[in-house]
Amino acid sequence: MLGLAGLIPQVCAVLALLGDDPATRFPALALAYAYAALILSFLGGLWWGIAAKSDAPPTWIWGAAVAPSLIALASAWPWMVGLSWPGPSLVALGVALIAALGVDLALIRRGLAPPGWLALRAPLSLGLGALTLAAAAL
């Protein structure tokens, strides 16, 4: 239940965007962007922790664990230089959140993820990824 509660901020952002109130548009987009970037970075930390706990982690996991934070940071670049934002950045984050399931599946195949990992991760990655893409479309 706590995992699913993690979708609430993005649901609120999307609902605010559906309301089409000009006063709440930018805050809702900023919330959708910031939350997706934070959670993507959090995933990298989870993977780093799984690797650190393992006696013999695969070498690729360290790069995979750092990539989410770098993707989140890179997604802010258009905003920093005055380009179109946050639509393209939200798309990048939404796709990255969904693609993160590939790392989760690889961890499961290697026996590194805890029991029930995919049951938790799949709905959260797919849900947050889809909500982030919805925010980009609105």
N, C-alpha and C. Protein backbone atom coordinates (compact mmCIF):
# COMPACT_ATOMS: atom_id res chain seq x y z
N MET A 1 0.83 -1.20 0.00
CA MET A 1 0.00 0.00 0.00
C MET A 1 0.87 1.26 0.00
N LEU A 2 1.97 1.23 0.76
CA LEU A 2 2.83 2.41 0.79
C LEU A 2 3.46 2.66 -0.58
N GLY A 3 3.81 1.58 -1.27
CA GLY A 3 4.37 1.74 -2.62
C GLY A 3 3.38 2.42 -3.54
N LEU A 4 2.15 1.95 -3.53
CA LEU A 4 1.13 2.56 -4.39
C LEU A 4 0.82 3.99 -3.98
N ALA A 5 0.95 4.28 -2.70
CA ALA A 5 0.75 5.66 -2.24
C ALA A 5 1.79 6.58 -2.87
N GLY A 6 2.90 6.01 -3.30
CA GLY A 6 3.93 6.79 -3.97
C GLY A 6 3.49 7.33 -5.31
N LEU A 7 2.38 6.86 -5.84
CA LEU A 7 1.86 7.38 -7.10
C LEU A 7 0.99 8.63 -6.89
N ILE A 8 0.60 8.89 -5.65
CA ILE A 8 -0.32 10.00 -5.36
C ILE A 8 0.18 11.35 -5.86
N PRO A 9 1.44 11.73 -5.64
CA PRO A 9 1.87 13.04 -6.15
C PRO A 9 1.70 13.18 -7.67
N GLN A 10 1.99 12.12 -8.40
CA GLN A 10 1.88 12.20 -9.86
C GLN A 10 0.41 12.21 -10.29
N VAL A 11 -0.42 11.47 -9.59
CA VAL A 11 -1.85 11.50 -9.87
C VAL A 11 -2.38 12.92 -9.64
N CYS A 12 -1.97 13.54 -8.56
CA CYS A 12 -2.41 14.92 -8.27
C CYS A 12 -1.95 15.88 -9.35
N ALA A 13 -0.73 15.72 -9.82
CA ALA A 13 -0.21 16.60 -10.88
C ALA A 13 -1.03 16.43 -12.15
N VAL A 14 -1.31 15.19 -12.52
CA VAL A 14 -2.10 14.93 -13.74
C VAL A 14 -3.51 15.48 -13.59
N LEU A 15 -4.13 15.28 -12.42
CA LEU A 15 -5.47 15.81 -12.20
C LEU A 15 -5.48 17.33 -12.30
N ALA A 16 -4.46 17.97 -11.77
CA ALA A 16 -4.37 19.43 -11.87
C ALA A 16 -4.23 19.86 -13.32
N LEU A 17 -3.46 19.11 -14.10
CA LEU A 17 -3.30 19.43 -15.52
C LEU A 17 -4.60 19.21 -16.29
N LEU A 18 -5.37 18.22 -15.90
CA LEU A 18 -6.65 17.98 -16.55
C LEU A 18 -7.63 19.11 -16.27
N GLY A 19 -7.47 19.76 -15.12
CA GLY A 19 -8.34 20.87 -14.76
C GLY A 19 -8.14 22.09 -15.65
N ASP A 20 -7.04 22.17 -16.34
CA ASP A 20 -6.77 23.22 -17.32
C ASP A 20 -6.86 24.62 -16.73
N ASP A 21 -6.46 24.78 -15.47
CA ASP A 21 -6.43 26.10 -14.82
C ASP A 21 -5.05 26.70 -15.07
N PRO A 22 -4.97 27.83 -15.77
CA PRO A 22 -3.67 28.42 -16.07
C PRO A 22 -2.82 28.70 -14.83
N ALA A 23 -3.46 28.99 -13.71
CA ALA A 23 -2.72 29.30 -12.48
C ALA A 23 -2.02 28.08 -11.90
N THR A 24 -2.55 26.89 -12.18
CA THR A 24 -1.95 25.68 -11.60
C THR A 24 -1.14 24.89 -12.62
N ARG A 25 -1.15 25.32 -13.87
CA ARG A 25 -0.46 24.55 -14.92
C ARG A 25 1.04 24.39 -14.65
N PHE A 26 1.75 25.51 -14.48
CA PHE A 26 3.19 25.39 -14.27
C PHE A 26 3.53 24.64 -12.98
N PRO A 27 2.88 24.94 -11.83
CA PRO A 27 3.18 24.15 -10.63
C PRO A 27 2.92 22.65 -10.82
N ALA A 28 1.86 22.31 -11.54
CA ALA A 28 1.56 20.90 -11.76
C ALA A 28 2.62 20.24 -12.64
N LEU A 29 3.05 20.94 -13.69
CA LEU A 29 4.12 20.41 -14.54
C LEU A 29 5.43 20.28 -13.76
N ALA A 30 5.73 21.29 -12.95
CA ALA A 30 6.95 21.25 -12.14
C ALA A 30 6.91 20.09 -11.15
N LEU A 31 5.74 19.87 -10.52
CA LEU A 31 5.58 18.75 -9.60
C LEU A 31 5.78 17.43 -10.34
N ALA A 32 5.14 17.27 -11.49
CA ALA A 32 5.26 16.03 -12.26
C ALA A 32 6.71 15.78 -12.63
N TYR A 33 7.40 16.82 -13.07
CA TYR A 33 8.81 16.68 -13.44
C TYR A 33 9.68 16.32 -12.24
N ALA A 34 9.56 17.12 -11.17
CA ALA A 34 10.42 16.92 -10.00
C ALA A 34 10.20 15.55 -9.38
N TYR A 35 8.95 15.14 -9.28
CA TYR A 35 8.68 13.84 -8.65
C TYR A 35 9.22 12.69 -9.49
N ALA A 36 9.03 12.76 -10.79
CA ALA A 36 9.57 11.70 -11.66
C ALA A 36 11.09 11.65 -11.57
N ALA A 37 11.75 12.81 -11.57
CA ALA A 37 13.21 12.85 -11.48
C ALA A 37 13.69 12.31 -10.13
N LEU A 38 13.00 12.67 -9.06
CA LEU A 38 13.39 12.18 -7.73
C LEU A 38 13.24 10.66 -7.63
N ILE A 39 12.13 10.15 -8.10
CA ILE A 39 11.90 8.70 -7.99
C ILE A 39 12.86 7.93 -8.89
N LEU A 40 13.14 8.45 -10.07
CA LEU A 40 14.12 7.79 -10.93
C LEU A 40 15.48 7.72 -10.23
N SER A 41 15.89 8.81 -9.60
CA SER A 41 17.15 8.81 -8.84
C SER A 41 17.09 7.83 -7.68
N PHE A 42 15.95 7.76 -7.03
CA PHE A 42 15.76 6.82 -5.92
C PHE A 42 15.95 5.37 -6.39
N LEU A 43 15.47 5.07 -7.59
CA LEU A 43 15.65 3.71 -8.12
C LEU A 43 17.13 3.36 -8.23
N GLY A 44 17.92 4.31 -8.70
CA GLY A 44 19.36 4.06 -8.77
C GLY A 44 19.93 3.74 -7.41
N GLY A 45 19.47 4.45 -6.39
CA GLY A 45 19.92 4.16 -5.03
C GLY A 45 19.52 2.77 -4.56
N LEU A 46 18.31 2.36 -4.94
CA LEU A 46 17.88 0.99 -4.60
C LEU A 46 18.80 -0.04 -5.24
N TRP A 47 19.10 0.17 -6.52
CA TRP A 47 19.97 -0.78 -7.23
C TRP A 47 21.38 -0.78 -6.63
N TRP A 48 21.87 0.38 -6.25
CA TRP A 48 23.19 0.47 -5.63
C TRP A 48 23.19 -0.33 -4.32
N GLY A 49 22.12 -0.18 -3.54
CA GLY A 49 22.02 -0.92 -2.28
C GLY A 49 21.97 -2.42 -2.50
N ILE A 50 21.24 -2.86 -3.52
CA ILE A 50 21.19 -4.30 -3.83
C ILE A 50 22.58 -4.79 -4.22
N ALA A 51 23.28 -4.01 -5.02
CA ALA A 51 24.63 -4.40 -5.44
C ALA A 51 25.58 -4.44 -4.25
N ALA A 52 25.49 -3.44 -3.39
CA ALA A 52 26.39 -3.37 -2.24
C ALA A 52 26.16 -4.53 -1.28
N LYS A 53 24.94 -5.01 -1.21
CA LYS A 53 24.60 -6.14 -0.33
C LYS A 53 25.07 -7.47 -0.89
N SER A 54 25.25 -7.54 -2.19
CA SER A 54 25.62 -8.78 -2.85
C SER A 54 27.10 -9.09 -2.67
N ASP A 55 27.40 -10.38 -2.54
CA ASP A 55 28.81 -10.80 -2.44
C ASP A 55 29.54 -10.66 -3.77
N ALA A 56 28.83 -10.88 -4.87
CA ALA A 56 29.45 -10.81 -6.19
C ALA A 56 28.48 -10.16 -7.18
N PRO A 57 28.30 -8.85 -7.06
CA PRO A 57 27.36 -8.19 -7.97
C PRO A 57 27.92 -8.15 -9.39
N PRO A 58 27.05 -8.16 -10.39
CA PRO A 58 27.55 -8.01 -11.76
C PRO A 58 28.14 -6.61 -11.92
N THR A 59 29.17 -6.50 -12.71
CA THR A 59 29.85 -5.21 -12.85
C THR A 59 28.94 -4.14 -13.47
N TRP A 60 27.99 -4.54 -14.30
CA TRP A 60 27.12 -3.58 -14.97
C TRP A 60 26.20 -2.85 -14.00
N ILE A 61 25.96 -3.43 -12.83
CA ILE A 61 24.97 -2.84 -11.92
C ILE A 61 25.41 -1.48 -11.40
N TRP A 62 26.72 -1.27 -11.26
CA TRP A 62 27.19 0.01 -10.75
C TRP A 62 26.86 1.13 -11.73
N GLY A 63 27.07 0.89 -13.00
CA GLY A 63 26.70 1.89 -14.01
C GLY A 63 25.20 2.08 -14.08
N ALA A 64 24.47 0.98 -13.99
CA ALA A 64 23.00 1.07 -14.02
C ALA A 64 22.49 1.85 -12.82
N ALA A 65 23.16 1.73 -11.69
CA ALA A 65 22.72 2.41 -10.47
C ALA A 65 22.99 3.91 -10.53
N VAL A 66 24.00 4.33 -11.27
CA VAL A 66 24.32 5.74 -11.38
C VAL A 66 23.51 6.41 -12.50
N ALA A 67 23.16 5.65 -13.52
CA ALA A 67 22.48 6.20 -14.69
C ALA A 67 21.19 6.96 -14.37
N PRO A 68 20.32 6.48 -13.48
CA PRO A 68 19.08 7.22 -13.23
C PRO A 68 19.30 8.66 -12.75
N SER A 69 20.26 8.87 -11.87
CA SER A 69 20.53 10.23 -11.41
C SER A 69 21.07 11.10 -12.54
N LEU A 70 21.90 10.51 -13.38
CA LEU A 70 22.45 11.28 -14.51
C LEU A 70 21.36 11.61 -15.53
N ILE A 71 20.45 10.66 -15.75
CA ILE A 71 19.32 10.92 -16.66
C ILE A 71 18.44 12.03 -16.10
N ALA A 72 18.15 11.96 -14.81
CA ALA A 72 17.32 12.99 -14.17
C ALA A 72 17.99 14.35 -14.29
N LEU A 73 19.29 14.41 -14.04
CA LEU A 73 20.00 15.67 -14.16
C LEU A 73 20.00 16.17 -15.60
N ALA A 74 20.29 15.29 -16.54
CA ALA A 74 20.30 15.69 -17.95
C ALA A 74 18.93 16.18 -18.41
N SER A 75 17.88 15.62 -17.84
CA SER A 75 16.53 16.04 -18.24
C SER A 75 16.22 17.47 -17.83
N ALA A 76 17.00 18.02 -16.92
CA ALA A 76 16.81 19.41 -16.50
C ALA A 76 17.52 20.38 -17.44
N TRP A 77 18.40 19.91 -18.27
CA TRP A 77 19.19 20.77 -19.15
C TRP A 77 18.33 21.68 -20.02
N PRO A 78 17.29 21.19 -20.68
CA PRO A 78 16.48 22.11 -21.50
C PRO A 78 15.92 23.29 -20.69
N TRP A 79 15.50 23.02 -19.48
CA TRP A 79 14.96 24.06 -18.61
C TRP A 79 16.06 25.07 -18.25
N MET A 80 17.25 24.55 -17.97
CA MET A 80 18.36 25.42 -17.55
C MET A 80 18.78 26.38 -18.66
N VAL A 81 18.63 25.97 -19.92
CA VAL A 81 19.10 26.81 -21.02
C VAL A 81 17.96 27.47 -21.79
N GLY A 82 16.74 27.34 -21.28
CA GLY A 82 15.61 28.04 -21.87
C GLY A 82 14.98 27.37 -23.08
N LEU A 83 15.23 26.09 -23.27
CA LEU A 83 14.59 25.36 -24.37
C LEU A 83 13.21 24.88 -23.93
N SER A 84 12.52 24.20 -24.81
CA SER A 84 11.20 23.67 -24.51
C SER A 84 11.26 22.75 -23.29
N TRP A 85 10.46 23.11 -22.31
CA TRP A 85 10.44 22.34 -21.06
C TRP A 85 9.06 22.48 -20.46
N PRO A 86 8.50 21.51 -19.82
CA PRO A 86 9.07 20.24 -19.43
C PRO A 86 8.63 19.07 -20.29
N GLY A 87 7.84 19.33 -21.34
CA GLY A 87 7.32 18.23 -22.15
C GLY A 87 8.35 17.20 -22.56
N PRO A 88 9.41 17.57 -23.28
CA PRO A 88 10.41 16.57 -23.68
C PRO A 88 11.09 15.91 -22.48
N SER A 89 11.32 16.69 -21.43
CA SER A 89 11.95 16.12 -20.23
C SER A 89 11.03 15.12 -19.55
N LEU A 90 9.74 15.42 -19.51
CA LEU A 90 8.78 14.47 -18.93
C LEU A 90 8.73 13.19 -19.75
N VAL A 91 8.80 13.31 -21.06
CA VAL A 91 8.81 12.10 -21.91
C VAL A 91 10.05 11.27 -21.59
N ALA A 92 11.21 11.91 -21.52
CA ALA A 92 12.45 11.18 -21.22
C ALA A 92 12.36 10.48 -19.87
N LEU A 93 11.83 11.17 -18.88
CA LEU A 93 11.70 10.56 -17.55
C LEU A 93 10.68 9.43 -17.54
N GLY A 94 9.56 9.62 -18.22
CA GLY A 94 8.54 8.57 -18.28
C GLY A 94 9.07 7.31 -18.94
N VAL A 95 9.77 7.47 -20.03
CA VAL A 95 10.36 6.32 -20.73
C VAL A 95 11.42 5.66 -19.85
N ALA A 96 12.25 6.46 -19.19
CA ALA A 96 13.29 5.90 -18.32
C ALA A 96 12.69 5.12 -17.16
N LEU A 97 11.60 5.63 -16.59
CA LEU A 97 10.95 4.91 -15.48
C LEU A 97 10.42 3.55 -15.93
N ILE A 98 9.85 3.50 -17.11
CA ILE A 98 9.34 2.22 -17.62
C ILE A 98 10.50 1.31 -17.99
N ALA A 99 11.52 1.86 -18.62
CA ALA A 99 12.69 1.06 -19.01
C ALA A 99 13.44 0.50 -17.80
N ALA A 100 13.30 1.16 -16.66
CA ALA A 100 13.97 0.69 -15.44
C ALA A 100 13.56 -0.73 -15.07
N LEU A 101 12.42 -1.15 -15.55
CA LEU A 101 11.99 -2.53 -15.28
C LEU A 101 12.99 -3.53 -15.86
N GLY A 102 13.71 -3.15 -16.90
CA GLY A 102 14.73 -4.05 -17.46
C GLY A 102 15.81 -4.36 -16.44
N VAL A 103 16.23 -3.36 -15.69
CA VAL A 103 17.23 -3.59 -14.64
C VAL A 103 16.64 -4.47 -13.55
N ASP A 104 15.40 -4.19 -13.17
CA ASP A 104 14.74 -5.00 -12.15
C ASP A 104 14.66 -6.47 -12.58
N LEU A 105 14.30 -6.69 -13.83
CA LEU A 105 14.22 -8.07 -14.33
C LEU A 105 15.59 -8.75 -14.32
N ALA A 106 16.62 -8.00 -14.67
CA ALA A 106 17.98 -8.56 -14.66
C ALA A 106 18.40 -8.91 -13.23
N LEU A 107 18.03 -8.09 -12.27
CA LEU A 107 18.34 -8.38 -10.87
C LEU A 107 17.61 -9.64 -10.40
N ILE A 108 16.38 -9.79 -10.84
CA ILE A 108 15.62 -10.99 -10.48
C ILE A 108 16.26 -12.23 -11.09
N ARG A 109 16.62 -12.16 -12.38
CA ARG A 109 17.24 -13.32 -13.05
C ARG A 109 18.53 -13.75 -12.35
N ARG A 110 19.26 -12.82 -11.81
CA ARG A 110 20.52 -13.13 -11.12
C ARG A 110 20.29 -13.51 -9.65
N GLY A 111 19.04 -13.48 -9.20
CA GLY A 111 18.75 -13.83 -7.81
C GLY A 111 19.17 -12.77 -6.81
N LEU A 112 19.32 -11.52 -7.26
CA LEU A 112 19.77 -10.45 -6.38
C LEU A 112 18.63 -9.65 -5.76
N ALA A 113 17.50 -9.62 -6.41
CA ALA A 113 16.36 -8.84 -5.90
C ALA A 113 15.65 -9.63 -4.80
N PRO A 114 15.10 -8.92 -3.84
CA PRO A 114 14.37 -9.62 -2.77
C PRO A 114 13.07 -10.23 -3.29
N PRO A 115 12.51 -11.17 -2.54
CA PRO A 115 11.24 -11.78 -2.95
C PRO A 115 10.15 -10.72 -3.11
N GLY A 116 9.34 -10.87 -4.11
CA GLY A 116 8.25 -9.94 -4.34
C GLY A 116 8.68 -8.64 -5.01
N TRP A 117 9.93 -8.56 -5.43
CA TRP A 117 10.45 -7.33 -6.03
C TRP A 117 9.65 -6.89 -7.25
N LEU A 118 9.42 -7.82 -8.17
CA LEU A 118 8.72 -7.44 -9.40
C LEU A 118 7.25 -7.09 -9.12
N ALA A 119 6.65 -7.76 -8.16
CA ALA A 119 5.26 -7.45 -7.81
C ALA A 119 5.14 -6.02 -7.30
N LEU A 120 6.20 -5.51 -6.69
CA LEU A 120 6.21 -4.13 -6.23
C LEU A 120 6.63 -3.19 -7.35
N ARG A 121 7.71 -3.53 -8.01
CA ARG A 121 8.32 -2.62 -8.97
C ARG A 121 7.50 -2.45 -10.25
N ALA A 122 6.92 -3.51 -10.77
CA ALA A 122 6.20 -3.40 -12.06
C ALA A 122 5.06 -2.39 -12.00
N PRO A 123 4.14 -2.49 -11.05
CA PRO A 123 3.06 -1.50 -11.06
C PRO A 123 3.54 -0.07 -10.78
N LEU A 124 4.60 0.05 -9.99
CA LEU A 124 5.09 1.39 -9.69
C LEU A 124 5.82 2.01 -10.88
N SER A 125 6.68 1.25 -11.54
CA SER A 125 7.38 1.78 -12.72
C SER A 125 6.42 2.05 -13.86
N LEU A 126 5.53 1.12 -14.11
CA LEU A 126 4.56 1.31 -15.19
C LEU A 126 3.59 2.44 -14.84
N GLY A 127 3.14 2.49 -13.60
CA GLY A 127 2.21 3.53 -13.19
C GLY A 127 2.82 4.91 -13.23
N LEU A 128 4.00 5.07 -12.62
CA LEU A 128 4.64 6.38 -12.60
C LEU A 128 5.09 6.78 -14.00
N GLY A 129 5.60 5.80 -14.76
CA GLY A 129 6.00 6.11 -16.13
C GLY A 129 4.83 6.58 -16.96
N ALA A 130 3.71 5.88 -16.87
CA ALA A 130 2.51 6.25 -17.65
C ALA A 130 1.96 7.60 -17.20
N LEU A 131 1.92 7.85 -15.89
CA LEU A 131 1.44 9.14 -15.40
C LEU A 131 2.35 10.28 -15.84
N THR A 132 3.65 10.03 -15.86
CA THR A 132 4.60 11.05 -16.31
C THR A 132 4.42 11.35 -17.78
N LEU A 133 4.21 10.30 -18.58
CA LEU A 133 3.95 10.51 -20.01
C LEU A 133 2.62 11.23 -20.21
N ALA A 134 1.63 10.94 -19.37
CA ALA A 134 0.35 11.64 -19.46
C ALA A 134 0.53 13.12 -19.16
N ALA A 135 1.34 13.43 -18.15
CA ALA A 135 1.60 14.83 -17.82
C ALA A 135 2.28 15.53 -19.00
N ALA A 136 3.17 14.83 -19.67
CA ALA A 136 3.84 15.41 -20.84
C ALA A 136 2.85 15.70 -21.96
N ALA A 137 1.86 14.84 -22.10
CA ALA A 137 0.87 14.98 -23.19
C ALA A 137 -0.14 16.10 -22.89
N LEU A 138 -0.30 16.42 -21.62
CA LEU A 138 -1.29 17.43 -21.25
C LEU A 138 -0.66 18.80 -21.30
